[in-house]
Protein backbone atom coordinates (compact mmCIF):
# COMPACT_ATOMS: atom_id res chain seq x y z
CA MET A 1 101.02 133.41 237.19
CA THR A 2 103.88 130.78 236.00
CA ASP A 3 106.34 131.60 233.13
CA GLN A 4 105.91 130.10 230.13
CA PRO A 5 108.67 127.78 228.17
CA ALA A 6 110.81 129.40 225.65
CA GLY A 7 109.10 129.58 222.55
CA THR A 8 105.29 129.20 223.35
CA ASP A 9 104.55 132.64 222.42
CA GLY A 10 105.61 132.04 219.37
CA LEU A 11 104.30 128.64 218.57
CA THR A 12 100.54 129.69 219.28
CA GLU A 13 101.16 132.65 217.16
CA LEU A 14 102.39 130.11 214.33
CA GLU A 15 99.32 127.53 214.94
CA ALA A 16 97.21 130.79 214.17
CA LEU A 17 98.44 130.76 210.85
CA PRO A 18 97.22 128.97 207.52
CA GLY A 19 98.66 125.05 208.50
CA GLY A 20 100.10 125.98 211.46
CA ALA A 21 103.88 125.62 212.81
CA LYS A 22 104.99 123.08 210.37
CA ALA A 23 103.43 125.19 207.52
CA ALA A 24 105.95 128.05 208.73
CA LEU A 25 108.97 126.01 208.71
CA GLU A 26 107.92 124.97 205.16
CA ALA A 27 107.83 128.31 204.13
CA VAL A 28 111.07 128.83 205.96
CA LEU A 29 113.09 125.80 204.39
CA MET A 30 111.69 126.75 200.83
CA VAL A 31 113.86 129.84 200.83
CA ILE A 32 116.97 128.98 202.27
CA ASP A 33 120.00 128.81 200.24
CA GLU A 34 121.82 126.51 202.29
CA PRO A 35 121.55 124.07 205.35
CA ALA A 36 119.88 125.52 208.33
CA THR A 37 120.48 123.87 211.63
CA ALA A 38 117.65 123.22 214.05
CA GLU A 39 118.82 126.07 216.13
CA GLU A 40 118.94 128.58 213.41
CA LEU A 41 115.24 127.73 212.54
CA ALA A 42 114.08 127.82 216.42
CA ALA A 43 115.66 131.23 216.38
CA GLY A 44 113.78 132.12 213.39
CA LEU A 45 110.24 130.66 214.05
CA ASN A 46 110.76 131.66 217.71
CA VAL A 47 109.87 128.21 219.08
CA THR A 48 111.91 125.72 220.92
CA VAL A 49 114.42 123.44 219.29
CA ALA A 50 112.10 120.40 220.36
CA VAL A 51 109.12 121.91 218.54
CA VAL A 52 111.70 122.30 215.70
CA ASP A 53 112.89 118.88 215.79
CA ASP A 54 109.65 117.12 215.59
CA LEU A 55 108.12 119.15 213.05
CA LEU A 56 111.36 118.05 210.85
CA GLN A 57 110.79 114.67 211.34
CA GLU A 58 106.87 115.01 210.44
CA ILE A 59 107.93 116.79 207.31
CA ARG A 60 110.26 114.51 205.86
CA ARG A 61 108.10 111.53 206.50
CA GLU A 62 105.26 113.55 204.97
CA TYR A 63 107.30 114.28 201.78
CA SER A 64 108.53 110.35 201.62
CA GLY A 65 105.02 109.56 201.80
CA TYR A 66 105.07 107.52 205.04
CA THR A 67 101.62 108.91 206.51
CA VAL A 68 100.06 107.08 208.80
CA LYS A 69 96.86 108.80 208.84
CA ALA A 70 94.18 108.65 206.29
CA PRO A 71 93.65 111.77 204.02
CA ASP A 72 90.73 113.92 204.83
CA VAL A 73 88.11 114.37 202.24
CA ASP A 74 86.46 117.48 201.25
CA ALA A 75 82.55 117.37 200.57
CA ASP A 76 83.07 117.24 196.81
CA GLY A 77 85.32 113.82 197.52
CA PHE A 78 88.59 115.21 196.77
CA ALA A 79 91.43 113.58 199.00
CA ALA A 80 93.07 116.75 201.19
CA ALA A 81 96.26 115.03 201.75
CA SER A 82 97.93 112.40 199.81
CA ASN A 83 100.38 109.40 200.80
CA ALA A 84 102.71 109.28 197.64
CA PRO A 85 106.13 110.54 197.60
CA ARG A 86 106.87 114.07 196.79
CA GLY A 87 109.37 114.99 194.18
CA PHE A 88 111.61 116.53 196.80
CA GLU A 89 112.56 115.62 200.22
CA LEU A 90 114.32 117.08 203.34
CA ARG A 91 117.41 115.96 204.23
CA ASN A 92 120.15 116.76 207.09
CA ILE A 93 123.38 117.35 205.76
CA ALA A 94 126.31 118.17 207.70
CA GLY A 95 124.01 119.05 210.48
CA GLY A 96 121.83 121.53 208.73
CA TRP A 97 118.54 120.90 207.03
CA ARG A 98 117.09 121.90 203.94
CA ILE A 99 114.82 120.82 201.20
CA TYR A 100 116.43 119.12 197.82
CA SER A 101 115.27 117.08 194.70
CA ARG A 102 114.78 113.72 195.14
CA PRO A 103 117.35 111.96 193.78
CA ASP A 104 115.28 109.34 191.94
CA PHE A 105 114.68 112.20 189.37
CA ALA A 106 118.13 113.72 189.11
CA HIS A 107 118.12 112.55 185.66
CA ILE A 108 114.95 114.77 184.77
CA VAL A 109 116.12 117.65 187.01
CA GLY A 110 119.12 117.10 185.00
CA ARG A 111 118.07 117.43 181.66
CA PHE A 112 115.68 120.59 182.41
CA VAL A 113 118.62 122.57 183.72
CA LEU A 114 120.63 121.87 180.90
CA GLU A 115 118.15 122.58 178.75
CA GLY A 116 117.16 125.73 180.14
CA GLN A 117 121.07 126.89 180.07
CA THR A 118 121.23 126.27 176.31
CA THR A 119 118.27 128.01 175.76
CA ARG A 120 119.32 131.07 173.20
CA LEU A 121 118.95 134.43 175.28
CA THR A 122 116.00 136.52 174.43
CA GLN A 123 116.35 139.88 172.75
CA ALA A 124 115.82 141.88 175.94
CA ALA A 125 118.53 139.45 177.71
CA LEU A 126 120.91 140.26 175.30
CA GLU A 127 120.03 143.99 175.23
CA THR A 128 120.31 144.10 178.89
CA LEU A 129 123.62 141.93 178.71
CA ALA A 130 125.38 144.77 176.50
CA VAL A 131 124.65 147.77 178.66
CA ILE A 132 126.07 145.90 181.54
CA ALA A 133 128.77 145.06 179.77
CA TYR A 134 129.78 148.50 178.59
CA ARG A 135 128.73 150.58 181.58
CA GLN A 136 129.63 148.00 184.06
CA PRO A 137 129.31 148.05 187.30
CA VAL A 138 126.10 149.39 186.96
CA SER A 139 122.81 148.98 189.00
CA ARG A 140 119.52 147.50 187.45
CA ALA A 141 117.98 151.03 187.96
CA ARG A 142 120.30 152.59 185.57
CA VAL A 143 119.76 149.45 183.30
CA SER A 144 116.25 150.10 183.42
CA ALA A 145 116.60 153.79 182.92
CA ILE A 146 118.79 153.47 179.39
CA ARG A 147 116.67 150.50 178.15
CA GLY A 148 113.26 152.22 179.11
CA VAL A 149 111.63 149.18 180.86
CA ASN A 150 112.13 147.16 183.99
CA VAL A 151 114.87 144.62 183.89
CA ASP A 152 114.44 142.70 187.40
CA SER A 153 113.35 139.57 186.10
CA VAL A 154 116.17 139.85 182.82
CA VAL A 155 118.81 140.32 185.63
CA ARG A 156 118.08 137.25 187.35
CA THR A 157 118.25 135.26 184.07
CA LEU A 158 121.46 136.90 183.34
CA THR A 159 122.46 135.67 187.19
CA GLN A 160 121.58 132.35 186.74
CA ARG A 161 123.28 131.78 183.57
CA GLY A 162 126.34 132.91 185.15
CA LEU A 163 126.54 135.59 182.56
CA ILE A 164 126.63 138.62 185.66
CA GLU A 165 127.67 138.67 189.14
CA ASP A 166 127.11 141.15 192.12
CA ALA A 167 129.83 143.60 192.19
CA GLY A 168 129.36 145.48 195.54
CA ASN A 169 127.27 148.20 196.35
CA ASP A 170 126.77 152.04 195.12
CA PRO A 171 128.28 153.94 197.70
CA GLU A 172 125.71 156.75 197.46
CA SER A 173 122.74 154.56 196.76
CA GLY A 174 123.69 151.55 198.30
CA ALA A 175 121.96 149.86 194.85
CA ILE A 176 123.61 146.24 194.01
CA LEU A 177 125.72 146.96 191.04
CA TYR A 178 126.47 144.23 188.67
CA ARG A 179 129.41 143.03 186.04
CA THR A 180 129.94 140.76 183.66
CA THR A 181 131.90 136.97 184.78
CA SER A 182 134.92 135.10 183.18
CA TYR A 183 131.93 132.85 181.78
CA PHE A 184 131.08 136.19 179.72
CA LEU A 185 134.36 136.44 178.60
CA GLU A 186 134.85 132.91 177.57
CA ARG A 187 131.40 132.98 175.76
CA MET A 188 132.49 136.16 174.15
CA GLY A 189 135.96 135.12 173.25
CA ILE A 190 137.76 137.68 174.28
CA GLY A 191 140.39 138.37 177.52
CA SER A 192 138.87 141.36 179.01
CA VAL A 193 136.05 143.56 178.64
CA ALA A 194 138.66 146.36 177.28
CA ASP A 195 138.61 144.01 174.06
CA LEU A 196 134.54 144.56 173.30
CA PRO A 197 134.10 146.42 170.27
CA GLN A 198 133.79 150.21 170.34
CA LEU A 199 130.03 151.41 170.01
CA SER A 200 130.66 154.80 168.43
CA PRO A 201 131.81 153.81 164.86
CA HIS A 202 128.95 151.36 164.40
CA LEU A 203 126.28 153.87 165.73
CA PRO A 204 126.79 157.22 163.60
CA GLY A 205 124.69 160.43 164.41
CA LEU A 206 124.19 159.58 167.76
CA GLU A 207 125.48 162.82 169.58
CA GLY A 208 124.43 161.71 173.12
CA ILE A 209 126.22 158.48 172.98
CA ASP A 210 128.05 159.78 175.97
CA GLU A 211 125.41 159.51 178.17
CA TYR A 212 125.34 155.54 177.36
CA TYR A 213 128.45 154.57 176.79
CA ASP A 214 131.48 155.61 179.70
CA ALA A 215 135.18 154.45 177.85
CA SER A 216 136.60 155.05 181.60
CA ARG A 217 134.45 152.01 182.59
CA MET A 218 135.83 149.59 180.00
């Protein structure tokens, strides 16, 4: 029995998936937040670097519209593939590979991002931000318990807006803790969270306010 080349078993496994090894590589490229080398990608997929190199070049050509094979046509006459360039491309920058939006659409992407950043926060986002501001550092689970609703998507929005950030992990539960950022202080026009207004004078009759407000954390 002869030894198989490194990565052969991994390639066989990937080819059994929908879209094969190329689709598997695309899935990885879509979720990385910084460029990855061919060696890192190969290790993650359990295939050889040579296989990854070939797949990367194939994906880059496909995204740029340089397909040489005519698209397959299904039973209804629809093309299964297109040789038109995509709105994104695969780039090799500083020795690493990552998917980026195509430069031709920079003005459109920029406008979309800027408009999204200036959109007003929803009431849910404002309430969640207030809880984090007064209880920081605080976990999502604690914020959810205080508000009585799931806040996962709202926390992601506030993080993307630069209003809150990761403040480490809770030593007991290991949960991620969140705190407000310097950008939040800038937008609020205050120098520190100690300058936030006291809640008690504005909420008379709530004897249980200490459960939600901890002055020692301000």
